[in-house]
């Protein structure tokens, strides 16, 4: 299956694209990349890197997702001179959909100028546990309805700027104490409790024309005693697809996080995530993993563990979104892009959000 690599978004080693990375992306038709601090130099270097990544599409059929975590506050990869945005909690305190829309629109405008087209934001977790330092001020509020309202405005703002937003972390990371980067959080909430709290904002942002949602690496034994959400048919197929009728892309959180990698076989993880119904597999940091994961998925298809029809449906969702949203995927010309970085109107809005 030539297009199988479209179901992968992978991390890169440094601030420039290495030859082996280029070769792997082109040879395997990889769907996209994610940028971290290690990849981000000066604005001009970021602009050049995104231009070079996107130029690889001329050797394959499709533009690449160039993704990033830009929420504002402590989860903000682009540093000054890019506009520095406050954490989402500030938007909950301000309780202004207009301000939330403008913040996402202006943040997205700077991302888009660089050639970044997918932002893993907004965080629509309800801050239901005050001791939860993992989410903390990344959450808009402890009130599910307020989270739903502000998050929907953020989604609309990103879309207006030409950025694909991705709501996270389904079905809600706001009640956890453990950080899933380091271990697997186990939550005793049942489905009724989730329906009354954590799931309210997700239902609302889905109606705001959200094209992507990210699963959480959390285990809810009362809902699925066997698998954490990312690997669970109960959460992905039954809840997201069937009950919520969510038809767009479902992406995993980073599959290298210890929540999964310490508890499950590393070759099983990508196969089970796809079997559960996820469309895109995210690998952020260990550059050795994507080739092995791709091979594991190929074997699972050959052995009938994964069904061709399901893989084709995922590919169709990915390719459809790219055709809709990535028609002009290159960065803006540098002289135009540089004028948008830290634009006075963006700085003024950031101050209003404080």
C-alpha atoms as a PDB file:
ATOM      1  CA  UNK A   1       0.000   0.000   0.000  1.00  0.00           C
ATOM      2  CA  UNK A   2       1.933   3.014  -1.334  1.00  0.00           C
ATOM      3  CA  UNK A   3       0.138   5.629   0.720  1.00  0.00           C
ATOM      4  CA  UNK A   4       0.425   3.925   4.121  1.00  0.00           C
ATOM      5  CA  UNK A   5       3.022   6.477   5.263  1.00  0.00           C
ATOM      6  CA  UNK A   6       0.300   9.148   5.054  1.00  0.00           C
ATOM      7  CA  UNK A   7      -0.946   7.785   8.384  1.00  0.00           C
ATOM      8  CA  UNK A   8       2.250   8.875  10.166  1.00  0.00           C
ATOM      9  CA  UNK A   9       3.393  12.214  11.590  1.00  0.00           C
ATOM     10  CA  UNK A  10       6.995  12.051  12.797  1.00  0.00           C
ATOM     11  CA  UNK A  11       9.567  14.119  14.683  1.00  0.00           C
ATOM     12  CA  UNK A  12      12.816  15.418  13.182  1.00  0.00           C
ATOM     13  CA  UNK A  13      16.294  15.527  14.703  1.00  0.00           C
ATOM     14  CA  UNK A  14      17.368  19.150  14.338  1.00  0.00           C
ATOM     15  CA  UNK A  15      17.002  22.579  12.778  1.00  0.00           C
ATOM     16  CA  UNK A  16      17.722  21.342   9.268  1.00  0.00           C
ATOM     17  CA  UNK A  17      16.386  18.365   7.374  1.00  0.00           C
ATOM     18  CA  UNK A  18      18.901  15.486   7.343  1.00  0.00           C
ATOM     19  CA  UNK A  19      19.441  13.409   4.211  1.00  0.00           C
ATOM     20  CA  UNK A  20      18.216  10.211   5.902  1.00  0.00           C
ATOM     21  CA  UNK A  21      15.059  12.029   7.040  1.00  0.00           C
ATOM     22  CA  UNK A  22      14.362  13.301   3.530  1.00  0.00           C
ATOM     23  CA  UNK A  23      14.925   9.831   2.110  1.00  0.00           C
ATOM     24  CA  UNK A  24      12.615   8.208   4.667  1.00  0.00           C
ATOM     25  CA  UNK A  25       9.840  10.765   4.124  1.00  0.00           C
ATOM     26  CA  UNK A  26       9.989  10.538   0.329  1.00  0.00           C
ATOM     27  CA  UNK A  27      10.489   6.780   0.062  1.00  0.00           C
ATOM     28  CA  UNK A  28       7.609   6.023   2.450  1.00  0.00           C
ATOM     29  CA  UNK A  29       5.285   8.902   1.490  1.00  0.00           C
ATOM     30  CA  UNK A  30       5.137  10.077   5.128  1.00  0.00           C
ATOM     31  CA  UNK A  31       2.119  12.241   5.940  1.00  0.00           C
ATOM     32  CA  UNK A  32       3.758  14.937   8.002  1.00  0.00           C
ATOM     33  CA  UNK A  33       6.159  16.117  10.676  1.00  0.00           C
ATOM     34  CA  UNK A  34       5.949  17.696  14.113  1.00  0.00           C
ATOM     35  CA  UNK A  35       8.286  20.498  15.208  1.00  0.00           C
ATOM     36  CA  UNK A  36       9.754  20.854  18.699  1.00  0.00           C
ATOM     37  CA  UNK A  37      12.207  23.265  20.341  1.00  0.00           C
ATOM     38  CA  UNK A  38      15.109  21.239  18.923  1.00  0.00           C
ATOM     39  CA  UNK A  39      13.909  22.079  15.393  1.00  0.00           C
ATOM     40  CA  UNK A  40      13.231  25.771  15.914  1.00  0.00           C
ATOM     41  CA  UNK A  41      15.980  28.321  15.374  1.00  0.00           C
ATOM     42  CA  UNK A  42      15.506  31.913  14.230  1.00  0.00           C
ATOM     43  CA  UNK A  43      12.299  32.836  12.367  1.00  0.00           C
ATOM     44  CA  UNK A  44      14.229  32.708   9.089  1.00  0.00           C
ATOM     45  CA  UNK A  45      15.566  29.233   9.932  1.00  0.00           C
ATOM     46  CA  UNK A  46      12.051  28.013  10.765  1.00  0.00           C
ATOM     47  CA  UNK A  47      10.763  29.497   7.513  1.00  0.00           C
ATOM     48  CA  UNK A  48      13.533  27.766   5.542  1.00  0.00           C
ATOM     49  CA  UNK A  49      12.986  24.439   7.293  1.00  0.00           C
ATOM     50  CA  UNK A  50       9.241  24.446   6.604  1.00  0.00           C
ATOM     51  CA  UNK A  51       9.878  25.405   2.982  1.00  0.00           C
ATOM     52  CA  UNK A  52      12.301  22.533   2.568  1.00  0.00           C
ATOM     53  CA  UNK A  53       9.959  20.024   4.250  1.00  0.00           C
ATOM     54  CA  UNK A  54       7.041  21.105   2.083  1.00  0.00           C
ATOM     55  CA  UNK A  55       9.129  20.938  -1.100  1.00  0.00           C
ATOM     56  CA  UNK A  56       9.261  17.149  -0.622  1.00  0.00           C
ATOM     57  CA  UNK A  57       5.635  16.992  -1.744  1.00  0.00           C
ATOM     58  CA  UNK A  58       6.817  17.407  -5.332  1.00  0.00           C
ATOM     59  CA  UNK A  59       8.317  13.900  -5.094  1.00  0.00           C
ATOM     60  CA  UNK A  60       5.119  12.437  -3.636  1.00  0.00           C
ATOM     61  CA  UNK A  61       1.448  12.983  -4.263  1.00  0.00           C
ATOM     62  CA  UNK A  62       0.446  15.044  -1.256  1.00  0.00           C
ATOM     63  CA  UNK A  63       1.432  18.116   0.755  1.00  0.00           C
ATOM     64  CA  UNK A  64       2.781  17.415   4.231  1.00  0.00           C
ATOM     65  CA  UNK A  65       1.242  18.249   7.554  1.00  0.00           C
ATOM     66  CA  UNK A  66       3.742  20.491   9.349  1.00  0.00           C
ATOM     67  CA  UNK A  67       2.505  20.436  12.919  1.00  0.00           C
ATOM     68  CA  UNK A  68       3.366  22.035  16.239  1.00  0.00           C
ATOM     69  CA  UNK A  69       2.115  22.417  19.829  1.00  0.00           C
ATOM     70  CA  UNK A  70       1.110  26.070  20.184  1.00  0.00           C
ATOM     71  CA  UNK A  71      -1.483  26.600  22.896  1.00  0.00           C
ATOM     72  CA  UNK A  72      -0.088  29.705  24.597  1.00  0.00           C
ATOM     73  CA  UNK A  73       1.424  29.874  28.084  1.00  0.00           C
ATOM     74  CA  UNK A  74       3.928  27.107  28.858  1.00  0.00           C
ATOM     75  CA  UNK A  75       3.039  25.073  25.761  1.00  0.00           C
ATOM     76  CA  UNK A  76       4.311  27.467  23.115  1.00  0.00           C
ATOM     77  CA  UNK A  77       7.083  26.316  20.814  1.00  0.00           C
ATOM     78  CA  UNK A  78       7.579  29.608  18.946  1.00  0.00           C
ATOM     79  CA  UNK A  79       9.441  32.069  21.180  1.00  0.00           C
ATOM     80  CA  UNK A  80       9.887  35.837  20.768  1.00  0.00           C
ATOM     81  CA  UNK A  81       9.993  37.685  18.372  1.00  0.00           C
ATOM     82  CA  UNK A  82       6.823  35.645  17.635  1.00  0.00           C
ATOM     83  CA  UNK A  83       3.879  36.945  19.647  1.00  0.00           C
ATOM     84  CA  UNK A  84       3.839  35.370  23.109  1.00  0.00           C
ATOM     85  CA  UNK A  85       0.326  34.313  24.044  1.00  0.00           C
ATOM     86  CA  UNK A  86      -1.017  33.690  27.569  1.00  0.00           C
ATOM     87  CA  UNK A  87      -2.264  30.288  28.777  1.00  0.00           C
ATOM     88  CA  UNK A  88      -5.807  29.176  27.968  1.00  0.00           C
ATOM     89  CA  UNK A  89      -6.912  29.749  31.569  1.00  0.00           C
ATOM     90  CA  UNK A  90      -6.709  33.497  30.935  1.00  0.00           C
ATOM     91  CA  UNK A  91      -9.311  33.136  28.191  1.00  0.00           C
ATOM     92  CA  UNK A  92     -11.627  31.353  30.614  1.00  0.00           C
ATOM     93  CA  UNK A  93     -11.212  34.171  33.123  1.00  0.00           C
ATOM     94  CA  UNK A  94     -11.872  36.801  30.433  1.00  0.00           C
ATOM     95  CA  UNK A  95     -14.874  34.790  29.193  1.00  0.00           C
ATOM     96  CA  UNK A  96     -14.791  36.466  25.776  1.00  0.00           C
ATOM     97  CA  UNK A  97     -15.390  34.447  22.611  1.00  0.00           C
ATOM     98  CA  UNK A  98     -14.275  37.471  20.577  1.00  0.00           C
ATOM     99  CA  UNK A  99     -10.912  37.571  22.334  1.00  0.00           C
ATOM    100  CA  UNK A 100     -10.475  33.787  22.018  1.00  0.00           C
ATOM    101  CA  UNK A 101     -11.259  33.911  18.296  1.00  0.00           C
ATOM    102  CA  UNK A 102      -8.774  36.749  17.717  1.00  0.00           C
ATOM    103  CA  UNK A 103      -6.037  35.051  19.723  1.00  0.00           C
ATOM    104  CA  UNK A 104      -6.325  31.821  17.696  1.00  0.00           C
ATOM    105  CA  UNK A 105      -6.673  33.716  14.419  1.00  0.00           C
ATOM    106  CA  UNK A 106      -3.547  35.841  15.019  1.00  0.00           C
ATOM    107  CA  UNK A 107      -1.539  32.934  16.449  1.00  0.00           C
ATOM    108  CA  UNK A 108      -2.538  30.916  13.401  1.00  0.00           C
ATOM    109  CA  UNK A 109      -1.587  33.748  11.060  1.00  0.00           C
ATOM    110  CA  UNK A 110       2.013  33.687  12.358  1.00  0.00           C
ATOM    111  CA  UNK A 111       2.172  29.890  12.154  1.00  0.00           C
ATOM    112  CA  UNK A 112       0.766  29.859   8.646  1.00  0.00           C
ATOM    113  CA  UNK A 113       3.259  32.514   7.498  1.00  0.00           C
ATOM    114  CA  UNK A 114       6.066  30.110   8.450  1.00  0.00           C
ATOM    115  CA  UNK A 115       4.465  27.218   6.574  1.00  0.00           C
ATOM    116  CA  UNK A 116       3.094  25.438   9.669  1.00  0.00           C
ATOM    117  CA  UNK A 117      -0.416  24.185   8.901  1.00  0.00           C
ATOM    118  CA  UNK A 118      -1.534  22.008  11.839  1.00  0.00           C
ATOM    119  CA  UNK A 119      -1.676  23.095  15.477  1.00  0.00           C
ATOM    120  CA  UNK A 120      -2.276  20.589  18.261  1.00  0.00           C
ATOM    121  CA  UNK A 121      -4.588  23.027  20.024  1.00  0.00           C
ATOM    122  CA  UNK A 122      -6.914  23.880  21.625  1.00  0.00           C
ATOM    123  CA  UNK A 123      -6.650  21.945  24.857  1.00  0.00           C
ATOM    124  CA  UNK A 124     -10.323  21.297  25.686  1.00  0.00           C
ATOM    125  CA  UNK A 125      -9.716  19.437  28.930  1.00  0.00           C
ATOM    126  CA  UNK A 126     -11.940  20.449  31.841  1.00  0.00           C
ATOM    127  CA  UNK A 127      -9.839  21.391  34.874  1.00  0.00           C
ATOM    128  CA  UNK A 128     -11.785  19.073  37.158  1.00  0.00           C
ATOM    129  CA  UNK A 129      -8.923  18.218  39.536  1.00  0.00           C
ATOM    130  CA  UNK A 130      -7.218  21.244  41.169  1.00  0.00           C
ATOM    131  CA  UNK A 131      -4.120  19.104  41.908  1.00  0.00           C
ATOM    132  CA  UNK A 132      -3.626  18.344  38.208  1.00  0.00           C
ATOM    133  CA  UNK A 133      -0.322  20.079  37.448  1.00  0.00           C
ATOM    134  CA  UNK A 134       0.003  18.330  34.048  1.00  0.00           C
ATOM    135  CA  UNK A 135      -2.908  20.306  32.600  1.00  0.00           C
ATOM    136  CA  UNK A 136      -3.189  23.177  35.097  1.00  0.00           C
ATOM    137  CA  UNK A 137      -3.437  26.541  33.333  1.00  0.00           C
ATOM    138  CA  UNK A 138      -3.565  24.805  29.942  1.00  0.00           C
ATOM    139  CA  UNK A 139      -7.250  24.221  30.735  1.00  0.00           C
ATOM    140  CA  UNK A 140      -9.689  27.027  29.995  1.00  0.00           C
ATOM    141  CA  UNK A 141     -11.818  26.414  33.086  1.00  0.00           C
ATOM    142  CA  UNK A 142     -13.291  23.895  35.504  1.00  0.00           C
ATOM    143  CA  UNK A 143     -16.731  24.685  34.020  1.00  0.00           C
ATOM    144  CA  UNK A 144     -17.424  22.342  31.070  1.00  0.00           C
ATOM    145  CA  UNK A 145     -19.826  24.782  29.396  1.00  0.00           C
ATOM    146  CA  UNK A 146     -17.314  27.629  29.564  1.00  0.00           C
ATOM    147  CA  UNK A 147     -14.581  25.355  28.166  1.00  0.00           C
ATOM    148  CA  UNK A 148     -16.953  24.366  25.345  1.00  0.00           C
ATOM    149  CA  UNK A 149     -17.784  27.975  24.475  1.00  0.00           C
ATOM    150  CA  UNK A 150     -14.228  29.354  24.486  1.00  0.00           C
ATOM    151  CA  UNK A 151     -12.698  26.267  22.818  1.00  0.00           C
ATOM    152  CA  UNK A 152     -15.214  26.514  19.975  1.00  0.00           C
ATOM    153  CA  UNK A 153     -14.200  30.145  19.408  1.00  0.00           C
ATOM    154  CA  UNK A 154     -10.532  29.096  19.348  1.00  0.00           C
ATOM    155  CA  UNK A 155     -11.301  26.385  16.763  1.00  0.00           C
ATOM    156  CA  UNK A 156     -13.063  28.934  14.540  1.00  0.00           C
ATOM    157  CA  UNK A 157     -10.149  31.357  14.894  1.00  0.00           C
ATOM    158  CA  UNK A 158      -7.562  28.781  13.824  1.00  0.00           C
ATOM    159  CA  UNK A 159      -9.668  27.725  10.842  1.00  0.00           C
ATOM    160  CA  UNK A 160     -10.088  31.364   9.781  1.00  0.00           C
ATOM    161  CA  UNK A 161      -6.275  31.743   9.729  1.00  0.00           C
ATOM    162  CA  UNK A 162      -5.862  28.693   7.480  1.00  0.00           C
ATOM    163  CA  UNK A 163      -4.579  26.450  10.276  1.00  0.00           C
ATOM    164  CA  UNK A 164      -6.007  22.998  11.030  1.00  0.00           C
ATOM    165  CA  UNK A 165      -6.796  22.867  14.775  1.00  0.00           C
ATOM    166  CA  UNK A 166      -6.745  19.616  16.750  1.00  0.00           C
ATOM    167  CA  UNK A 167      -8.743  19.362  19.995  1.00  0.00           C
ATOM    168  CA  UNK A 168      -7.060  17.384  22.754  1.00  0.00           C
ATOM    169  CA  UNK A 169      -6.948  15.173  24.850  1.00  0.00           C
ATOM    170  CA  UNK A 170     -10.066  13.029  24.217  1.00  0.00           C
ATOM    171  CA  UNK A 171     -12.034  12.153  26.369  1.00  0.00           C
ATOM    172  CA  UNK A 172     -10.444  14.624  28.814  1.00  0.00           C
ATOM    173  CA  UNK A 173      -7.162  14.850  30.714  1.00  0.00           C
ATOM    174  CA  UNK A 174      -8.340  17.367  33.303  1.00  0.00           C
ATOM    175  CA  UNK A 175      -8.886  14.966  36.194  1.00  0.00           C
ATOM    176  CA  UNK A 176      -5.546  13.110  36.070  1.00  0.00           C
ATOM    177  CA  UNK A 177      -2.622  13.412  38.457  1.00  0.00           C
ATOM    178  CA  UNK A 178      -0.107  11.298  36.542  1.00  0.00           C
ATOM    179  CA  UNK A 179       1.667  12.731  33.499  1.00  0.00           C
ATOM    180  CA  UNK A 180       1.195  10.302  30.600  1.00  0.00           C
ATOM    181  CA  UNK A 181       4.678  11.231  29.351  1.00  0.00           C
ATOM    182  CA  UNK A 182       5.979   9.184  32.281  1.00  0.00           C
ATOM    183  CA  UNK A 183       3.323   6.606  33.156  1.00  0.00           C
ATOM    184  CA  UNK A 184      -0.229   5.482  32.378  1.00  0.00           C
ATOM    185  CA  UNK A 185      -2.888   7.457  34.287  1.00  0.00           C
ATOM    186  CA  UNK A 186      -5.791   5.293  35.479  1.00  0.00           C
ATOM    187  CA  UNK A 187      -9.127   7.038  36.018  1.00  0.00           C
ATOM    188  CA  UNK A 188     -12.093   5.547  37.871  1.00  0.00           C
ATOM    189  CA  UNK A 189     -14.681   7.768  36.155  1.00  0.00           C
ATOM    190  CA  UNK A 190     -17.541   5.928  34.492  1.00  0.00           C
ATOM    191  CA  UNK A 191     -19.181   6.975  31.229  1.00  0.00           C
ATOM    192  CA  UNK A 192     -22.012   8.832  32.977  1.00  0.00           C
ATOM    193  CA  UNK A 193     -19.542  11.070  34.788  1.00  0.00           C
ATOM    194  CA  UNK A 194     -17.591  11.733  31.590  1.00  0.00           C
ATOM    195  CA  UNK A 195     -20.828  12.598  29.767  1.00  0.00           C
ATOM    196  CA  UNK A 196     -21.695  15.139  32.473  1.00  0.00           C
ATOM    197  CA  UNK A 197     -18.270  16.826  32.493  1.00  0.00           C
ATOM    198  CA  UNK A 198     -15.278  15.992  30.312  1.00  0.00           C
ATOM    199  CA  UNK A 199     -17.158  15.155  27.113  1.00  0.00           C
ATOM    200  CA  UNK A 200     -19.279  18.328  26.960  1.00  0.00           C
ATOM    201  CA  UNK A 201     -16.563  20.516  25.343  1.00  0.00           C
ATOM    202  CA  UNK A 202     -15.659  17.825  22.811  1.00  0.00           C
ATOM    203  CA  UNK A 203     -19.269  17.559  21.617  1.00  0.00           C
ATOM    204  CA  UNK A 204     -19.376  21.335  21.193  1.00  0.00           C
ATOM    205  CA  UNK A 205     -16.070  21.722  19.313  1.00  0.00           C
ATOM    206  CA  UNK A 206     -17.040  18.893  16.958  1.00  0.00           C
ATOM    207  CA  UNK A 207     -19.922  21.114  15.861  1.00  0.00           C
ATOM    208  CA  UNK A 208     -17.469  23.974  15.187  1.00  0.00           C
ATOM    209  CA  UNK A 209     -16.246  22.056  12.093  1.00  0.00           C
ATOM    210  CA  UNK A 210     -13.266  20.524  13.858  1.00  0.00           C
ATOM    211  CA  UNK A 211     -11.170  18.434  11.468  1.00  0.00           C
ATOM    212  CA  UNK A 212      -8.990  16.600  13.999  1.00  0.00           C
ATOM    213  CA  UNK A 213      -9.123  15.276  17.552  1.00  0.00           C
ATOM    214  CA  UNK A 214      -6.290  13.745  19.619  1.00  0.00           C
ATOM    215  CA  UNK A 215      -6.733  10.755  21.928  1.00  0.00           C
ATOM    216  CA  UNK A 216      -5.404  10.651  25.485  1.00  0.00           C
ATOM    217  CA  UNK A 217      -3.224   7.867  26.874  1.00  0.00           C
ATOM    218  CA  UNK A 218      -5.470   7.273  29.884  1.00  0.00           C
ATOM    219  CA  UNK A 219      -7.061   4.043  31.070  1.00  0.00           C
ATOM    220  CA  UNK A 220     -10.682   4.069  32.260  1.00  0.00           C
ATOM    221  CA  UNK A 221     -11.179   0.516  33.645  1.00  0.00           C
ATOM    222  CA  UNK A 222     -14.903   1.073  34.232  1.00  0.00           C
ATOM    223  CA  UNK A 223     -15.391   1.843  30.530  1.00  0.00           C
ATOM    224  CA  UNK A 224     -12.726  -0.363  28.919  1.00  0.00           C
ATOM    225  CA  UNK A 225     -10.958  -2.686  31.368  1.00  0.00           C
ATOM    226  CA  UNK A 226      -8.429  -3.820  28.736  1.00  0.00           C
ATOM    227  CA  UNK A 227      -7.095  -0.821  26.785  1.00  0.00           C
ATOM    228  CA  UNK A 228      -6.232   2.850  27.349  1.00  0.00           C
ATOM    229  CA  UNK A 229      -8.191   5.295  25.181  1.00  0.00           C
ATOM    230  CA  UNK A 230      -5.717   5.496  22.274  1.00  0.00           C
ATOM    231  CA  UNK A 231      -5.832   1.707  21.843  1.00  0.00           C
ATOM    232  CA  UNK A 232      -9.510   1.251  22.703  1.00  0.00           C
ATOM    233  CA  UNK A 233     -12.278   0.398  20.215  1.00  0.00           C
ATOM    234  CA  UNK A 234     -14.760   1.292  22.963  1.00  0.00           C
ATOM    235  CA  UNK A 235     -13.565   4.912  23.009  1.00  0.00           C
ATOM    236  CA  UNK A 236     -12.535   5.403  19.385  1.00  0.00           C
ATOM    237  CA  UNK A 237     -15.087   3.357  17.456  1.00  0.00           C
ATOM    238  CA  UNK A 238     -18.099   3.185  19.752  1.00  0.00           C
ATOM    239  CA  UNK A 239     -17.921   6.572  21.445  1.00  0.00           C
ATOM    240  CA  UNK A 240     -16.254   8.871  18.927  1.00  0.00           C
ATOM    241  CA  UNK A 241     -17.409   7.336  15.654  1.00  0.00           C
ATOM    242  CA  UNK A 242     -20.761   5.779  16.530  1.00  0.00           C
ATOM    243  CA  UNK A 243     -22.215   7.752  19.430  1.00  0.00           C
ATOM    244  CA  UNK A 244     -20.746  11.180  18.627  1.00  0.00           C
ATOM    245  CA  UNK A 245     -20.804  10.527  14.849  1.00  0.00           C
ATOM    246  CA  UNK A 246     -17.422  12.177  14.503  1.00  0.00           C
ATOM    247  CA  UNK A 247     -16.416  11.661  10.872  1.00  0.00           C
ATOM    248  CA  UNK A 248     -13.115  13.545  10.743  1.00  0.00           C
ATOM    249  CA  UNK A 249      -9.536  12.569  11.638  1.00  0.00           C
ATOM    250  CA  UNK A 250      -8.585  10.928  14.922  1.00  0.00           C
ATOM    251  CA  UNK A 251      -4.877  11.200  15.772  1.00  0.00           C
ATOM    252  CA  UNK A 252      -3.036   9.517  18.628  1.00  0.00           C
ATOM    253  CA  UNK A 253      -1.008  11.400  21.183  1.00  0.00           C
ATOM    254  CA  UNK A 254       2.714  10.588  20.942  1.00  0.00           C
ATOM    255  CA  UNK A 255       2.993   6.788  20.820  1.00  0.00           C
ATOM    256  CA  UNK A 256       6.457   6.888  22.390  1.00  0.00           C
ATOM    257  CA  UNK A 257       5.127   8.278  25.670  1.00  0.00           C
ATOM    258  CA  UNK A 258       5.785   5.973  28.609  1.00  0.00           C
ATOM    259  CA  UNK A 259       2.051   5.655  29.313  1.00  0.00           C
ATOM    260  CA  UNK A 260       2.033   3.221  26.401  1.00  0.00           C
ATOM    261  CA  UNK A 261       5.682   2.344  25.724  1.00  0.00           C
ATOM    262  CA  UNK A 262       6.257   1.075  29.301  1.00  0.00           C
ATOM    263  CA  UNK A 263       3.156  -1.117  29.330  1.00  0.00           C
ATOM    264  CA  UNK A 264       2.730  -2.506  25.813  1.00  0.00           C
ATOM    265  CA  UNK A 265       4.892  -4.052  23.111  1.00  0.00           C
ATOM    266  CA  UNK A 266       6.206  -1.239  20.911  1.00  0.00           C
ATOM    267  CA  UNK A 267       5.306  -3.060  17.697  1.00  0.00           C
ATOM    268  CA  UNK A 268       1.804  -3.797  18.977  1.00  0.00           C
ATOM    269  CA  UNK A 269       1.059  -0.135  19.848  1.00  0.00           C
ATOM    270  CA  UNK A 270       0.719   1.286  16.278  1.00  0.00           C
ATOM    271  CA  UNK A 271      -1.215  -1.766  15.093  1.00  0.00           C
ATOM    272  CA  UNK A 272      -3.649  -1.638  18.013  1.00  0.00           C
ATOM    273  CA  UNK A 273      -4.109   2.155  17.638  1.00  0.00           C
ATOM    274  CA  UNK A 274      -5.167   1.672  14.005  1.00  0.00           C
ATOM    275  CA  UNK A 275      -7.300  -1.364  14.887  1.00  0.00           C
ATOM    276  CA  UNK A 276      -9.054   0.763  17.528  1.00  0.00           C
ATOM    277  CA  UNK A 277      -9.946   3.265  14.792  1.00  0.00           C
ATOM    278  CA  UNK A 278      -7.296   5.983  14.988  1.00  0.00           C
ATOM    279  CA  UNK A 279      -6.336   7.465  11.600  1.00  0.00           C
ATOM    280  CA  UNK A 280      -2.907   9.023  12.226  1.00  0.00           C
ATOM    281  CA  UNK A 281      -0.042   7.714  14.355  1.00  0.00           C
ATOM    282  CA  UNK A 282       2.093  10.388  16.031  1.00  0.00           C
ATOM    283  CA  UNK A 283       5.771   9.700  16.796  1.00  0.00           C
ATOM    284  CA  UNK A 284       7.488  12.722  18.302  1.00  0.00           C
ATOM    285  CA  UNK A 285      10.940  12.006  19.657  1.00  0.00           C
ATOM    286  CA  UNK A 286      12.506   8.617  18.969  1.00  0.00           C
ATOM    287  CA  UNK A 287      13.456   8.797  15.289  1.00  0.00           C
ATOM    288  CA  UNK A 288      14.215   5.048  15.300  1.00  0.00           C
ATOM    289  CA  UNK A 289      10.577   4.144  15.942  1.00  0.00           C
ATOM    290  CA  UNK A 290       8.651   5.261  12.806  1.00  0.00           C
ATOM    291  CA  UNK A 291      10.424   2.834  10.409  1.00  0.00           C
ATOM    292  CA  UNK A 292       9.784  -0.050  12.830  1.00  0.00           C
ATOM    293  CA  UNK A 293       6.168   1.012  13.384  1.00  0.00           C
ATOM    294  CA  UNK A 294       5.576   1.276   9.634  1.00  0.00           C
ATOM    295  CA  UNK A 295       6.959  -2.221   9.182  1.00  0.00           C
ATOM    296  CA  UNK A 296       4.753  -3.568  12.006  1.00  0.00           C
ATOM    297  CA  UNK A 297       1.664  -2.015  10.381  1.00  0.00           C
ATOM    298  CA  UNK A 298       2.568  -3.424   6.952  1.00  0.00           C
ATOM    299  CA  UNK A 299       2.932  -6.906   8.458  1.00  0.00           C
ATOM    300  CA  UNK A 300      -0.400  -6.581  10.286  1.00  0.00           C
ATOM    301  CA  UNK A 301      -2.141  -5.708   7.001  1.00  0.00           C
ATOM    302  CA  UNK A 302      -0.490  -8.649   5.204  1.00  0.00           C
ATOM    303  CA  UNK A 303      -1.483 -11.014   8.028  1.00  0.00           C
ATOM    304  CA  UNK A 304      -5.086  -9.794   8.112  1.00  0.00           C
ATOM    305  CA  UNK A 305      -4.757  -8.338  11.613  1.00  0.00           C
ATOM    306  CA  UNK A 306      -5.626  -4.920  10.163  1.00  0.00           C
ATOM    307  CA  UNK A 307      -8.340  -4.661   7.539  1.00  0.00           C
ATOM    308  CA  UNK A 308      -7.623  -2.987   4.199  1.00  0.00           C
ATOM    309  CA  UNK A 309     -11.025  -1.249   4.200  1.00  0.00           C
ATOM    310  CA  UNK A 310     -10.345   0.440   7.527  1.00  0.00           C
ATOM    311  CA  UNK A 311      -6.881   1.611   6.392  1.00  0.00           C
ATOM    312  CA  UNK A 312      -8.372   2.921   3.133  1.00  0.00           C
ATOM    313  CA  UNK A 313     -11.020   4.858   5.090  1.00  0.00           C
ATOM    314  CA  UNK A 314      -8.297   6.489   7.210  1.00  0.00           C
ATOM    315  CA  UNK A 315      -6.261   7.350   4.116  1.00  0.00           C
ATOM    316  CA  UNK A 316      -9.339   8.847   2.495  1.00  0.00           C
ATOM    317  CA  UNK A 317      -9.944  11.117   5.511  1.00  0.00           C
ATOM    318  CA  UNK A 318      -6.308  12.285   5.525  1.00  0.00           C
ATOM    319  CA  UNK A 319      -6.126  12.936   1.779  1.00  0.00           C
ATOM    320  CA  UNK A 320      -9.516  14.693   1.722  1.00  0.00           C
ATOM    321  CA  UNK A 321      -8.421  17.081   4.499  1.00  0.00           C
ATOM    322  CA  UNK A 322      -5.151  17.834   2.719  1.00  0.00           C
ATOM    323  CA  UNK A 323      -6.991  18.627  -0.517  1.00  0.00           C
ATOM    324  CA  UNK A 324      -9.344  20.972   1.354  1.00  0.00           C
ATOM    325  CA  UNK A 325      -6.923  22.741   3.684  1.00  0.00           C
ATOM    326  CA  UNK A 326      -3.441  22.494   2.130  1.00  0.00           C
ATOM    327  CA  UNK A 327      -3.998  23.872  -1.334  1.00  0.00           C
ATOM    328  CA  UNK A 328      -1.198  26.436  -0.914  1.00  0.00           C
ATOM    329  CA  UNK A 329       1.044  24.771   1.662  1.00  0.00           C
ATOM    330  CA  UNK A 330       4.296  26.704   1.135  1.00  0.00           C
ATOM    331  CA  UNK A 331       5.375  29.384   3.628  1.00  0.00           C
ATOM    332  CA  UNK A 332       4.576  32.951   2.625  1.00  0.00           C
ATOM    333  CA  UNK A 333       7.472  34.714   0.883  1.00  0.00           C
ATOM    334  CA  UNK A 334       9.922  35.780   3.607  1.00  0.00           C
ATOM    335  CA  UNK A 335       9.389  39.521   3.138  1.00  0.00           C
ATOM    336  CA  UNK A 336       5.637  39.038   3.728  1.00  0.00           C
ATOM    337  CA  UNK A 337       6.037  36.442   6.489  1.00  0.00           C
ATOM    338  CA  UNK A 338       8.545  38.505   8.478  1.00  0.00           C
ATOM    339  CA  UNK A 339       6.066  41.412   8.722  1.00  0.00           C
ATOM    340  CA  UNK A 340       3.510  39.166  10.456  1.00  0.00           C
ATOM    341  CA  UNK A 341       5.852  37.949  13.216  1.00  0.00           C
ATOM    342  CA  UNK A 342       5.000  39.877  16.390  1.00  0.00           C
ATOM    343  CA  UNK A 343       2.658  42.146  14.405  1.00  0.00           C
ATOM    344  CA  UNK A 344       1.523  45.152  16.519  1.00  0.00           C
ATOM    345  CA  UNK A 345      -2.128  44.076  16.318  1.00  0.00           C
ATOM    346  CA  UNK A 346      -1.182  40.577  17.543  1.00  0.00           C
ATOM    347  CA  UNK A 347       0.873  42.013  20.429  1.00  0.00           C
ATOM    348  CA  UNK A 348      -2.028  44.265  21.416  1.00  0.00           C
ATOM    349  CA  UNK A 349      -4.444  41.302  21.464  1.00  0.00           C
ATOM    350  CA  UNK A 350      -1.968  39.238  23.520  1.00  0.00           C
ATOM    351  CA  UNK A 351      -1.870  42.063  26.080  1.00  0.00           C
ATOM    352  CA  UNK A 352      -5.684  42.133  26.178  1.00  0.00           C
ATOM    353  CA  UNK A 353      -5.683  38.398  26.952  1.00  0.00           C
ATOM    354  CA  UNK A 354      -3.376  38.801  29.969  1.00  0.00           C
END
